[in-house]
Amino acid sequence: MSTGIQLIVGLGNPGSDYAKTRHNVGTWLVEMLASDVGHAFRHESKLMGQSCLIALDHRPCRLFIPETFMNDSGRAVQAFAHFYRIEPEAIMVAHDELDLAPGTIRIKKGGGHGGHNGLRDIIEHLGTPDFYRLRIGIGHPGQKDQVTPFVLGRPSAIEEEAILSAISKGIAVLPRTLTGDIAGAMQQLHTDQ
């Protein structure tokens, strides 16, 4: 058993122009989770984001949406984690993943940033890659030079439905991650798809 997750971060860009884009699917997840348990986010200007405290199966967990832009996410995550004294191994970052098809969601601990600027900045600011990632598949446009407009674009209706279905599966296993049963959550998630 590992340390239980105490903080789930949803990555995205702030503002209504970005809210429905593929790059914001991490934000979608934490917003859906908060909505499912009947909690609303509050703005925390000193911590550069919005947060709420929820309970899953009677275990507390903080949700956080940085209000910095994606490429500057690390500053907000570091400030939040420092303020609440949360260690990197108790953090799970939900983010868009080009290497997974829409409808796929995976948990991973550590590793590189895979070209994801939000993860790159978080690794830099936390000083370690050893936090958990909830990788939400958005697919790949096929060409490297098309990645930026792709992630900043809206998914098709079919893709969005697949992404939301994957997010629901991800949310279903989160209670296990809070107890430290991350291996069990991974197994449940990876066999459900």
N, C-alpha and C. Protein backbone atom coordinates (compact mmCIF):
# COMPACT_ATOMS: atom_id res chain seq x y z
N MET A 1 0.85 -1.19 0.00
CA MET A 1 0.00 0.00 0.00
C MET A 1 0.89 1.25 0.00
N SER A 2 0.53 2.20 -0.82
CA SER A 2 1.27 3.45 -0.83
C SER A 2 0.51 4.48 -0.01
N THR A 3 1.10 5.66 0.09
CA THR A 3 0.42 6.78 0.73
C THR A 3 -0.88 7.06 -0.02
N GLY A 4 -1.92 7.38 0.69
CA GLY A 4 -3.17 7.72 0.03
C GLY A 4 -3.09 9.08 -0.65
N ILE A 5 -3.87 9.25 -1.70
CA ILE A 5 -3.93 10.53 -2.40
C ILE A 5 -4.68 11.54 -1.52
N GLN A 6 -4.09 12.73 -1.37
CA GLN A 6 -4.70 13.79 -0.57
C GLN A 6 -5.10 14.99 -1.42
N LEU A 7 -4.57 15.05 -2.64
CA LEU A 7 -4.82 16.19 -3.52
C LEU A 7 -4.97 15.71 -4.95
N ILE A 8 -6.06 16.12 -5.60
CA ILE A 8 -6.26 15.84 -7.03
C ILE A 8 -6.29 17.18 -7.75
N VAL A 9 -5.37 17.34 -8.68
CA VAL A 9 -5.23 18.58 -9.45
C VAL A 9 -5.81 18.35 -10.84
N GLY A 10 -6.64 19.27 -11.30
CA GLY A 10 -7.17 19.20 -12.66
C GLY A 10 -6.51 20.25 -13.53
N LEU A 11 -5.72 19.81 -14.51
CA LEU A 11 -5.00 20.76 -15.36
C LEU A 11 -5.87 21.29 -16.49
N GLY A 12 -5.61 22.53 -16.84
CA GLY A 12 -6.31 23.18 -17.94
C GLY A 12 -5.87 24.62 -18.04
N ASN A 13 -6.46 25.34 -18.96
CA ASN A 13 -6.23 26.78 -19.08
C ASN A 13 -7.45 27.51 -18.55
N PRO A 14 -7.25 28.66 -17.89
CA PRO A 14 -8.40 29.39 -17.35
C PRO A 14 -9.18 30.14 -18.43
N GLY A 15 -10.43 30.41 -18.13
CA GLY A 15 -11.25 31.22 -19.03
C GLY A 15 -12.19 30.41 -19.91
N SER A 16 -13.29 31.04 -20.30
CA SER A 16 -14.33 30.36 -21.06
C SER A 16 -13.87 29.95 -22.46
N ASP A 17 -12.88 30.65 -23.02
CA ASP A 17 -12.38 30.29 -24.35
C ASP A 17 -11.77 28.89 -24.38
N TYR A 18 -11.26 28.43 -23.24
CA TYR A 18 -10.55 27.15 -23.17
C TYR A 18 -11.36 26.04 -22.52
N ALA A 19 -12.47 26.40 -21.87
CA ALA A 19 -13.19 25.46 -21.00
C ALA A 19 -13.56 24.15 -21.68
N LYS A 20 -13.92 24.18 -22.95
CA LYS A 20 -14.38 22.97 -23.64
C LYS A 20 -13.30 22.32 -24.50
N THR A 21 -12.05 22.76 -24.36
CA THR A 21 -10.98 22.22 -25.20
C THR A 21 -10.40 20.92 -24.64
N ARG A 22 -9.71 20.18 -25.50
CA ARG A 22 -9.10 18.91 -25.08
C ARG A 22 -8.07 19.12 -23.97
N HIS A 23 -7.38 20.26 -24.00
CA HIS A 23 -6.33 20.53 -23.01
C HIS A 23 -6.91 20.67 -21.61
N ASN A 24 -8.23 20.86 -21.50
CA ASN A 24 -8.86 21.10 -20.21
C ASN A 24 -9.57 19.87 -19.62
N VAL A 25 -9.32 18.69 -20.18
CA VAL A 25 -10.06 17.52 -19.69
C VAL A 25 -9.72 17.19 -18.24
N GLY A 26 -8.53 17.56 -17.78
CA GLY A 26 -8.18 17.37 -16.36
C GLY A 26 -9.09 18.20 -15.46
N THR A 27 -9.35 19.43 -15.91
CA THR A 27 -10.28 20.30 -15.19
C THR A 27 -11.68 19.71 -15.21
N TRP A 28 -12.08 19.15 -16.36
CA TRP A 28 -13.41 18.53 -16.44
C TRP A 28 -13.57 17.49 -15.33
N LEU A 29 -12.52 16.67 -15.15
CA LEU A 29 -12.60 15.58 -14.18
C LEU A 29 -12.84 16.10 -12.77
N VAL A 30 -12.05 17.08 -12.32
CA VAL A 30 -12.23 17.54 -10.94
C VAL A 30 -13.55 18.30 -10.78
N GLU A 31 -13.99 19.00 -11.83
CA GLU A 31 -15.29 19.68 -11.76
C GLU A 31 -16.42 18.66 -11.66
N MET A 32 -16.34 17.59 -12.44
CA MET A 32 -17.37 16.53 -12.37
C MET A 32 -17.37 15.87 -11.00
N LEU A 33 -16.18 15.62 -10.46
CA LEU A 33 -16.07 14.97 -9.16
C LEU A 33 -16.69 15.86 -8.08
N ALA A 34 -16.36 17.15 -8.09
CA ALA A 34 -16.93 18.07 -7.10
C ALA A 34 -18.45 18.13 -7.22
N SER A 35 -18.92 18.18 -8.46
CA SER A 35 -20.37 18.23 -8.72
C SER A 35 -21.05 16.96 -8.22
N ASP A 36 -20.42 15.80 -8.45
CA ASP A 36 -20.97 14.50 -8.02
C ASP A 36 -21.21 14.45 -6.51
N VAL A 37 -20.30 15.09 -5.75
CA VAL A 37 -20.42 15.04 -4.28
C VAL A 37 -21.04 16.31 -3.71
N GLY A 38 -21.52 17.19 -4.60
CA GLY A 38 -22.27 18.37 -4.16
C GLY A 38 -21.43 19.48 -3.56
N HIS A 39 -20.20 19.62 -4.03
CA HIS A 39 -19.33 20.69 -3.53
C HIS A 39 -19.04 21.71 -4.63
N ALA A 40 -18.80 22.95 -4.23
CA ALA A 40 -18.45 24.01 -5.17
C ALA A 40 -17.02 24.48 -4.89
N PHE A 41 -16.35 24.92 -5.92
CA PHE A 41 -14.99 25.46 -5.77
C PHE A 41 -15.04 26.88 -5.24
N ARG A 42 -14.01 27.22 -4.49
CA ARG A 42 -13.86 28.62 -4.06
C ARG A 42 -12.49 29.12 -4.57
N HIS A 43 -12.46 30.40 -4.87
CA HIS A 43 -11.24 31.02 -5.39
C HIS A 43 -10.25 31.25 -4.24
N GLU A 44 -9.00 30.84 -4.46
CA GLU A 44 -7.94 31.09 -3.48
C GLU A 44 -6.84 31.86 -4.17
N SER A 45 -6.95 33.20 -4.14
CA SER A 45 -6.05 34.04 -4.93
C SER A 45 -4.58 33.87 -4.53
N LYS A 46 -4.30 33.68 -3.25
CA LYS A 46 -2.90 33.51 -2.81
C LYS A 46 -2.31 32.22 -3.37
N LEU A 47 -3.18 31.22 -3.62
CA LEU A 47 -2.70 29.93 -4.11
C LEU A 47 -2.93 29.78 -5.62
N MET A 48 -3.35 30.86 -6.27
CA MET A 48 -3.45 30.92 -7.74
C MET A 48 -4.38 29.87 -8.32
N GLY A 49 -5.52 29.67 -7.68
CA GLY A 49 -6.45 28.69 -8.23
C GLY A 49 -7.75 28.60 -7.45
N GLN A 50 -8.52 27.57 -7.79
CA GLN A 50 -9.79 27.29 -7.11
C GLN A 50 -9.66 25.93 -6.44
N SER A 51 -10.27 25.81 -5.26
CA SER A 51 -10.17 24.52 -4.57
C SER A 51 -11.45 24.21 -3.81
N CYS A 52 -11.57 22.96 -3.43
CA CYS A 52 -12.60 22.54 -2.49
C CYS A 52 -12.12 21.29 -1.77
N LEU A 53 -12.70 21.08 -0.61
CA LEU A 53 -12.38 19.90 0.20
C LEU A 53 -13.58 18.98 0.14
N ILE A 54 -13.35 17.75 -0.30
CA ILE A 54 -14.43 16.78 -0.41
C ILE A 54 -14.10 15.55 0.44
N ALA A 55 -15.04 14.64 0.54
CA ALA A 55 -14.79 13.35 1.18
C ALA A 55 -15.29 12.27 0.23
N LEU A 56 -14.48 11.24 0.04
CA LEU A 56 -14.87 10.06 -0.73
C LEU A 56 -14.76 8.87 0.20
N ASP A 57 -15.86 8.18 0.41
CA ASP A 57 -15.90 7.07 1.38
C ASP A 57 -15.34 7.53 2.73
N HIS A 58 -15.74 8.71 3.16
CA HIS A 58 -15.38 9.29 4.45
C HIS A 58 -13.91 9.67 4.57
N ARG A 59 -13.21 9.71 3.46
CA ARG A 59 -11.81 10.15 3.49
C ARG A 59 -11.70 11.51 2.82
N PRO A 60 -11.03 12.48 3.50
CA PRO A 60 -10.93 13.82 2.92
C PRO A 60 -9.94 13.88 1.76
N CYS A 61 -10.24 14.74 0.82
CA CYS A 61 -9.36 14.96 -0.33
C CYS A 61 -9.57 16.38 -0.83
N ARG A 62 -8.50 17.05 -1.15
CA ARG A 62 -8.59 18.39 -1.72
C ARG A 62 -8.57 18.31 -3.24
N LEU A 63 -9.41 19.13 -3.87
CA LEU A 63 -9.41 19.27 -5.33
C LEU A 63 -8.88 20.66 -5.64
N PHE A 64 -8.09 20.76 -6.70
CA PHE A 64 -7.48 22.05 -7.04
C PHE A 64 -7.43 22.23 -8.54
N ILE A 65 -7.84 23.42 -8.98
CA ILE A 65 -7.73 23.81 -10.39
C ILE A 65 -6.84 25.05 -10.45
N PRO A 66 -5.61 24.92 -10.96
CA PRO A 66 -4.76 26.12 -11.08
C PRO A 66 -5.42 27.13 -12.02
N GLU A 67 -5.28 28.41 -11.69
CA GLU A 67 -5.78 29.47 -12.57
C GLU A 67 -4.66 30.18 -13.31
N THR A 68 -3.48 29.59 -13.22
CA THR A 68 -2.38 30.02 -14.07
C THR A 68 -2.62 29.33 -15.42
N PHE A 69 -1.94 29.74 -16.45
CA PHE A 69 -2.08 29.00 -17.70
C PHE A 69 -1.33 27.68 -17.58
N MET A 70 -1.68 26.75 -18.44
CA MET A 70 -1.15 25.38 -18.39
C MET A 70 0.37 25.36 -18.19
N ASN A 71 1.09 26.16 -18.99
CA ASN A 71 2.56 26.12 -18.97
C ASN A 71 3.15 26.62 -17.66
N ASP A 72 2.31 27.22 -16.81
CA ASP A 72 2.76 27.79 -15.54
C ASP A 72 2.07 27.09 -14.36
N SER A 73 1.55 25.88 -14.60
CA SER A 73 0.79 25.15 -13.57
C SER A 73 1.61 24.83 -12.33
N GLY A 74 2.89 24.59 -12.51
CA GLY A 74 3.74 24.15 -11.40
C GLY A 74 3.80 25.13 -10.25
N ARG A 75 3.80 26.41 -10.57
CA ARG A 75 3.87 27.44 -9.53
C ARG A 75 2.67 27.33 -8.59
N ALA A 76 1.47 27.17 -9.19
CA ALA A 76 0.24 27.07 -8.39
C ALA A 76 0.20 25.75 -7.61
N VAL A 77 0.56 24.65 -8.26
CA VAL A 77 0.54 23.34 -7.58
C VAL A 77 1.52 23.34 -6.41
N GLN A 78 2.71 23.90 -6.63
CA GLN A 78 3.71 23.96 -5.56
C GLN A 78 3.19 24.80 -4.39
N ALA A 79 2.60 25.96 -4.68
CA ALA A 79 2.08 26.84 -3.62
C ALA A 79 0.99 26.14 -2.82
N PHE A 80 0.09 25.45 -3.53
CA PHE A 80 -1.02 24.76 -2.87
C PHE A 80 -0.51 23.61 -2.00
N ALA A 81 0.36 22.79 -2.57
CA ALA A 81 0.89 21.64 -1.84
C ALA A 81 1.69 22.08 -0.61
N HIS A 82 2.45 23.16 -0.77
CA HIS A 82 3.25 23.67 0.35
C HIS A 82 2.33 24.19 1.46
N PHE A 83 1.32 24.96 1.08
CA PHE A 83 0.40 25.55 2.06
C PHE A 83 -0.30 24.47 2.89
N TYR A 84 -0.75 23.41 2.22
CA TYR A 84 -1.48 22.34 2.91
C TYR A 84 -0.58 21.18 3.34
N ARG A 85 0.72 21.33 3.16
CA ARG A 85 1.72 20.32 3.58
C ARG A 85 1.42 18.95 2.97
N ILE A 86 1.25 18.94 1.66
CA ILE A 86 0.97 17.69 0.94
C ILE A 86 2.22 17.29 0.15
N GLU A 87 2.69 16.08 0.40
CA GLU A 87 3.90 15.59 -0.27
C GLU A 87 3.58 15.19 -1.72
N PRO A 88 4.58 15.26 -2.62
CA PRO A 88 4.34 14.90 -4.03
C PRO A 88 3.70 13.53 -4.23
N GLU A 89 4.10 12.53 -3.42
CA GLU A 89 3.55 11.17 -3.63
C GLU A 89 2.08 11.06 -3.20
N ALA A 90 1.54 12.12 -2.60
CA ALA A 90 0.11 12.14 -2.23
C ALA A 90 -0.70 13.02 -3.18
N ILE A 91 -0.07 13.39 -4.32
CA ILE A 91 -0.71 14.25 -5.33
C ILE A 91 -1.02 13.43 -6.57
N MET A 92 -2.24 13.62 -7.11
CA MET A 92 -2.59 13.04 -8.40
C MET A 92 -2.98 14.18 -9.33
N VAL A 93 -2.35 14.22 -10.50
CA VAL A 93 -2.61 15.28 -11.48
C VAL A 93 -3.40 14.68 -12.64
N ALA A 94 -4.61 15.19 -12.87
CA ALA A 94 -5.44 14.75 -13.99
C ALA A 94 -5.11 15.64 -15.20
N HIS A 95 -4.79 15.01 -16.33
CA HIS A 95 -4.37 15.78 -17.51
C HIS A 95 -4.72 15.06 -18.80
N ASP A 96 -4.72 15.82 -19.88
CA ASP A 96 -4.95 15.27 -21.22
C ASP A 96 -3.72 14.49 -21.66
N GLU A 97 -3.96 13.38 -22.38
CA GLU A 97 -2.87 12.50 -22.83
C GLU A 97 -3.01 12.20 -24.30
N LEU A 98 -2.07 12.70 -25.10
CA LEU A 98 -2.08 12.50 -26.55
C LEU A 98 -1.86 11.04 -26.93
N ASP A 99 -1.13 10.29 -26.10
CA ASP A 99 -0.76 8.91 -26.44
C ASP A 99 -1.86 7.90 -26.15
N LEU A 100 -2.99 8.34 -25.63
CA LEU A 100 -4.12 7.44 -25.37
C LEU A 100 -5.32 7.90 -26.17
N ALA A 101 -6.08 6.94 -26.69
CA ALA A 101 -7.28 7.26 -27.48
C ALA A 101 -8.38 7.81 -26.58
N PRO A 102 -9.28 8.64 -27.12
CA PRO A 102 -10.43 9.08 -26.35
C PRO A 102 -11.21 7.87 -25.84
N GLY A 103 -11.60 7.91 -24.59
CA GLY A 103 -12.30 6.78 -23.98
C GLY A 103 -11.38 5.94 -23.10
N THR A 104 -10.07 6.26 -23.13
CA THR A 104 -9.09 5.53 -22.32
C THR A 104 -8.61 6.44 -21.19
N ILE A 105 -8.43 5.86 -20.01
CA ILE A 105 -7.89 6.61 -18.88
C ILE A 105 -6.98 5.68 -18.10
N ARG A 106 -5.85 6.19 -17.68
CA ARG A 106 -4.83 5.37 -17.01
C ARG A 106 -4.23 6.13 -15.83
N ILE A 107 -3.79 5.37 -14.82
CA ILE A 107 -3.04 5.93 -13.69
C ILE A 107 -1.58 5.56 -13.86
N LYS A 108 -0.71 6.50 -13.58
CA LYS A 108 0.73 6.25 -13.68
C LYS A 108 1.42 7.04 -12.58
N LYS A 109 2.49 6.49 -12.04
CA LYS A 109 3.30 7.24 -11.08
C LYS A 109 4.64 7.57 -11.70
N GLY A 110 5.03 8.83 -11.56
CA GLY A 110 6.35 9.26 -12.00
C GLY A 110 6.53 9.21 -13.50
N GLY A 111 7.79 9.24 -13.91
CA GLY A 111 8.11 9.24 -15.33
C GLY A 111 8.35 10.66 -15.83
N GLY A 112 8.52 10.77 -17.13
CA GLY A 112 8.78 12.07 -17.74
C GLY A 112 7.51 12.85 -17.97
N HIS A 113 7.65 13.96 -18.69
CA HIS A 113 6.48 14.81 -18.97
C HIS A 113 5.89 14.52 -20.34
N GLY A 114 6.59 13.75 -21.18
CA GLY A 114 6.07 13.38 -22.49
C GLY A 114 5.71 14.56 -23.38
N GLY A 115 6.39 15.69 -23.16
CA GLY A 115 6.11 16.88 -23.96
C GLY A 115 4.94 17.70 -23.44
N HIS A 116 4.33 17.26 -22.33
CA HIS A 116 3.19 18.00 -21.76
C HIS A 116 3.73 19.14 -20.90
N ASN A 117 3.46 20.37 -21.33
CA ASN A 117 4.06 21.53 -20.66
C ASN A 117 3.57 21.72 -19.23
N GLY A 118 2.33 21.34 -18.95
CA GLY A 118 1.83 21.43 -17.58
C GLY A 118 2.59 20.49 -16.66
N LEU A 119 2.77 19.24 -17.10
CA LEU A 119 3.54 18.27 -16.30
C LEU A 119 4.99 18.71 -16.17
N ARG A 120 5.56 19.23 -17.24
CA ARG A 120 6.95 19.69 -17.21
C ARG A 120 7.14 20.74 -16.12
N ASP A 121 6.20 21.69 -16.04
CA ASP A 121 6.31 22.77 -15.07
C ASP A 121 6.09 22.27 -13.64
N ILE A 122 5.18 21.31 -13.48
CA ILE A 122 4.94 20.75 -12.14
C ILE A 122 6.17 19.98 -11.65
N ILE A 123 6.77 19.18 -12.53
CA ILE A 123 8.00 18.44 -12.17
C ILE A 123 9.08 19.42 -11.74
N GLU A 124 9.23 20.50 -12.51
CA GLU A 124 10.25 21.51 -12.21
C GLU A 124 10.00 22.15 -10.85
N HIS A 125 8.76 22.54 -10.57
CA HIS A 125 8.46 23.24 -9.32
C HIS A 125 8.43 22.32 -8.10
N LEU A 126 7.97 21.09 -8.26
CA LEU A 126 7.98 20.16 -7.12
C LEU A 126 9.37 19.57 -6.89
N GLY A 127 10.20 19.64 -7.92
CA GLY A 127 11.56 19.11 -7.81
C GLY A 127 11.61 17.60 -7.92
N THR A 128 10.52 16.98 -8.37
CA THR A 128 10.47 15.53 -8.52
C THR A 128 9.36 15.16 -9.51
N PRO A 129 9.55 14.05 -10.24
CA PRO A 129 8.46 13.55 -11.08
C PRO A 129 7.57 12.55 -10.33
N ASP A 130 7.86 12.31 -9.05
CA ASP A 130 7.22 11.21 -8.31
C ASP A 130 5.86 11.57 -7.72
N PHE A 131 4.97 12.03 -8.59
CA PHE A 131 3.57 12.21 -8.21
C PHE A 131 2.76 11.35 -9.18
N TYR A 132 1.50 11.13 -8.85
CA TYR A 132 0.65 10.30 -9.70
C TYR A 132 0.01 11.13 -10.80
N ARG A 133 -0.24 10.48 -11.93
CA ARG A 133 -0.92 11.14 -13.05
C ARG A 133 -2.16 10.32 -13.40
N LEU A 134 -3.25 11.01 -13.63
CA LEU A 134 -4.47 10.40 -14.15
C LEU A 134 -4.55 10.87 -15.59
N ARG A 135 -4.15 9.97 -16.51
CA ARG A 135 -3.94 10.31 -17.92
C ARG A 135 -5.24 10.07 -18.70
N ILE A 136 -5.84 11.15 -19.16
CA ILE A 136 -7.13 11.08 -19.86
C ILE A 136 -6.88 11.17 -21.36
N GLY A 137 -7.18 10.09 -22.07
CA GLY A 137 -6.88 10.02 -23.50
C GLY A 137 -7.68 11.02 -24.33
N ILE A 138 -6.96 11.73 -25.21
CA ILE A 138 -7.63 12.65 -26.15
C ILE A 138 -7.28 12.30 -27.60
N GLY A 139 -6.37 11.30 -27.78
CA GLY A 139 -5.93 10.96 -29.12
C GLY A 139 -4.85 11.92 -29.61
N HIS A 140 -4.34 11.64 -30.80
CA HIS A 140 -3.24 12.43 -31.39
C HIS A 140 -3.66 12.86 -32.80
N PRO A 141 -3.32 14.09 -33.19
CA PRO A 141 -3.72 14.54 -34.53
C PRO A 141 -2.95 13.87 -35.66
N GLY A 142 -1.85 13.17 -35.32
CA GLY A 142 -1.08 12.46 -36.34
C GLY A 142 0.20 13.16 -36.76
N GLN A 143 0.22 14.47 -36.69
CA GLN A 143 1.42 15.25 -37.05
C GLN A 143 1.83 16.10 -35.85
N LYS A 144 3.13 16.16 -35.59
CA LYS A 144 3.63 16.92 -34.44
C LYS A 144 3.26 18.40 -34.52
N ASP A 145 3.31 18.96 -35.74
CA ASP A 145 3.03 20.40 -35.88
C ASP A 145 1.54 20.72 -35.73
N GLN A 146 0.70 19.70 -35.63
CA GLN A 146 -0.74 19.93 -35.42
C GLN A 146 -1.15 19.79 -33.95
N VAL A 147 -0.21 19.46 -33.08
CA VAL A 147 -0.55 19.19 -31.68
C VAL A 147 -1.15 20.41 -30.98
N THR A 148 -0.53 21.58 -31.12
CA THR A 148 -1.03 22.76 -30.40
C THR A 148 -2.46 23.11 -30.78
N PRO A 149 -2.78 23.26 -32.09
CA PRO A 149 -4.18 23.56 -32.41
C PRO A 149 -5.13 22.42 -32.01
N PHE A 150 -4.62 21.19 -32.02
CA PHE A 150 -5.44 20.03 -31.65
C PHE A 150 -5.83 20.09 -30.18
N VAL A 151 -4.84 20.28 -29.29
CA VAL A 151 -5.15 20.28 -27.85
C VAL A 151 -5.97 21.51 -27.47
N LEU A 152 -5.80 22.60 -28.21
CA LEU A 152 -6.55 23.82 -27.92
C LEU A 152 -7.89 23.87 -28.65
N GLY A 153 -8.22 22.78 -29.36
CA GLY A 153 -9.50 22.68 -30.05
C GLY A 153 -10.49 21.84 -29.26
N ARG A 154 -11.73 21.90 -29.67
CA ARG A 154 -12.78 21.11 -29.03
C ARG A 154 -12.84 19.72 -29.63
N PRO A 155 -13.06 18.71 -28.81
CA PRO A 155 -13.25 17.37 -29.37
C PRO A 155 -14.59 17.30 -30.11
N SER A 156 -14.70 16.36 -31.04
CA SER A 156 -15.99 16.13 -31.70
C SER A 156 -16.97 15.60 -30.66
N ALA A 157 -18.25 15.57 -31.01
CA ALA A 157 -19.27 15.08 -30.08
C ALA A 157 -18.99 13.63 -29.67
N ILE A 158 -18.56 12.81 -30.63
CA ILE A 158 -18.27 11.40 -30.34
C ILE A 158 -17.06 11.28 -29.42
N GLU A 159 -16.01 12.06 -29.71
CA GLU A 159 -14.82 12.06 -28.85
C GLU A 159 -15.16 12.54 -27.45
N GLU A 160 -15.95 13.60 -27.37
CA GLU A 160 -16.32 14.16 -26.06
C GLU A 160 -17.09 13.13 -25.22
N GLU A 161 -17.98 12.42 -25.87
CA GLU A 161 -18.74 11.38 -25.16
C GLU A 161 -17.80 10.30 -24.63
N ALA A 162 -16.81 9.90 -25.44
CA ALA A 162 -15.84 8.89 -25.02
C ALA A 162 -14.97 9.41 -23.86
N ILE A 163 -14.56 10.67 -23.95
CA ILE A 163 -13.74 11.28 -22.89
C ILE A 163 -14.54 11.35 -21.58
N LEU A 164 -15.78 11.78 -21.66
CA LEU A 164 -16.61 11.87 -20.45
C LEU A 164 -16.87 10.50 -19.83
N SER A 165 -17.01 9.49 -20.67
CA SER A 165 -17.18 8.12 -20.19
C SER A 165 -15.92 7.66 -19.45
N ALA A 166 -14.75 7.97 -20.01
CA ALA A 166 -13.48 7.61 -19.36
C ALA A 166 -13.34 8.35 -18.03
N ILE A 167 -13.71 9.62 -18.01
CA ILE A 167 -13.63 10.40 -16.77
C ILE A 167 -14.51 9.77 -15.70
N SER A 168 -15.70 9.34 -16.06
CA SER A 168 -16.59 8.67 -15.09
C SER A 168 -15.95 7.41 -14.52
N LYS A 169 -15.26 6.65 -15.38
CA LYS A 169 -14.54 5.45 -14.90
C LYS A 169 -13.41 5.84 -13.96
N GLY A 170 -12.72 6.91 -14.29
CA GLY A 170 -11.64 7.40 -13.43
C GLY A 170 -12.16 7.81 -12.07
N ILE A 171 -13.27 8.56 -12.06
CA ILE A 171 -13.86 9.01 -10.80
C ILE A 171 -14.27 7.81 -9.94
N ALA A 172 -14.76 6.74 -10.59
CA ALA A 172 -15.23 5.55 -9.86
C ALA A 172 -14.12 4.88 -9.06
N VAL A 173 -12.87 4.98 -9.51
CA VAL A 173 -11.78 4.31 -8.79
C VAL A 173 -11.07 5.22 -7.79
N LEU A 174 -11.39 6.51 -7.80
CA LEU A 174 -10.66 7.44 -6.93
C LEU A 174 -10.76 7.13 -5.44
N PRO A 175 -11.91 6.65 -4.93
CA PRO A 175 -11.93 6.31 -3.50
C PRO A 175 -10.82 5.34 -3.10
N ARG A 176 -10.49 4.41 -3.98
CA ARG A 176 -9.41 3.45 -3.66
C ARG A 176 -8.06 4.15 -3.56
N THR A 177 -7.86 5.18 -4.37
CA THR A 177 -6.57 5.89 -4.34
C THR A 177 -6.40 6.65 -3.04
N LEU A 178 -7.49 7.09 -2.42
CA LEU A 178 -7.39 7.83 -1.17
C LEU A 178 -6.97 6.93 -0.02
N THR A 179 -7.27 5.64 -0.12
CA THR A 179 -6.87 4.70 0.94
C THR A 179 -5.44 4.22 0.74
N GLY A 180 -4.85 4.54 -0.41
CA GLY A 180 -3.52 4.05 -0.73
C GLY A 180 -3.51 2.82 -1.60
N ASP A 181 -4.70 2.32 -1.94
CA ASP A 181 -4.79 1.12 -2.80
C ASP A 181 -4.74 1.55 -4.28
N ILE A 182 -3.62 2.15 -4.64
CA ILE A 182 -3.50 2.67 -6.00
C ILE A 182 -3.32 1.53 -6.99
N ALA A 183 -2.64 0.47 -6.58
CA ALA A 183 -2.49 -0.70 -7.46
C ALA A 183 -3.86 -1.30 -7.78
N GLY A 184 -4.73 -1.37 -6.78
CA GLY A 184 -6.08 -1.89 -7.00
C GLY A 184 -6.89 -0.98 -7.92
N ALA A 185 -6.71 0.34 -7.74
CA ALA A 185 -7.41 1.30 -8.60
C ALA A 185 -6.93 1.16 -10.04
N MET A 186 -5.61 1.01 -10.21
CA MET A 186 -5.04 0.83 -11.55
C MET A 186 -5.62 -0.42 -12.20
N GLN A 187 -5.62 -1.51 -11.45
CA GLN A 187 -6.11 -2.78 -12.00
C GLN A 187 -7.58 -2.66 -12.39
N GLN A 188 -8.38 -2.05 -11.54
CA GLN A 188 -9.81 -1.87 -11.84
C GLN A 188 -9.99 -1.03 -13.10
N LEU A 189 -9.23 0.05 -13.19
CA LEU A 189 -9.35 0.98 -14.31
C LEU A 189 -8.87 0.32 -15.60
N HIS A 190 -7.76 -0.38 -15.53
CA HIS A 190 -7.15 -0.94 -16.73
C HIS A 190 -7.88 -2.19 -17.24
N THR A 191 -8.67 -2.83 -16.37
CA THR A 191 -9.45 -3.98 -16.84
C THR A 191 -10.86 -3.58 -17.25
N ASP A 192 -11.31 -2.39 -16.83
CA ASP A 192 -12.65 -1.91 -17.20
C ASP A 192 -12.73 -1.42 -18.63
N GLN A 193 -11.58 -1.34 -19.33
CA GLN A 193 -11.60 -0.70 -20.65
C GLN A 193 -11.23 -1.68 -21.75
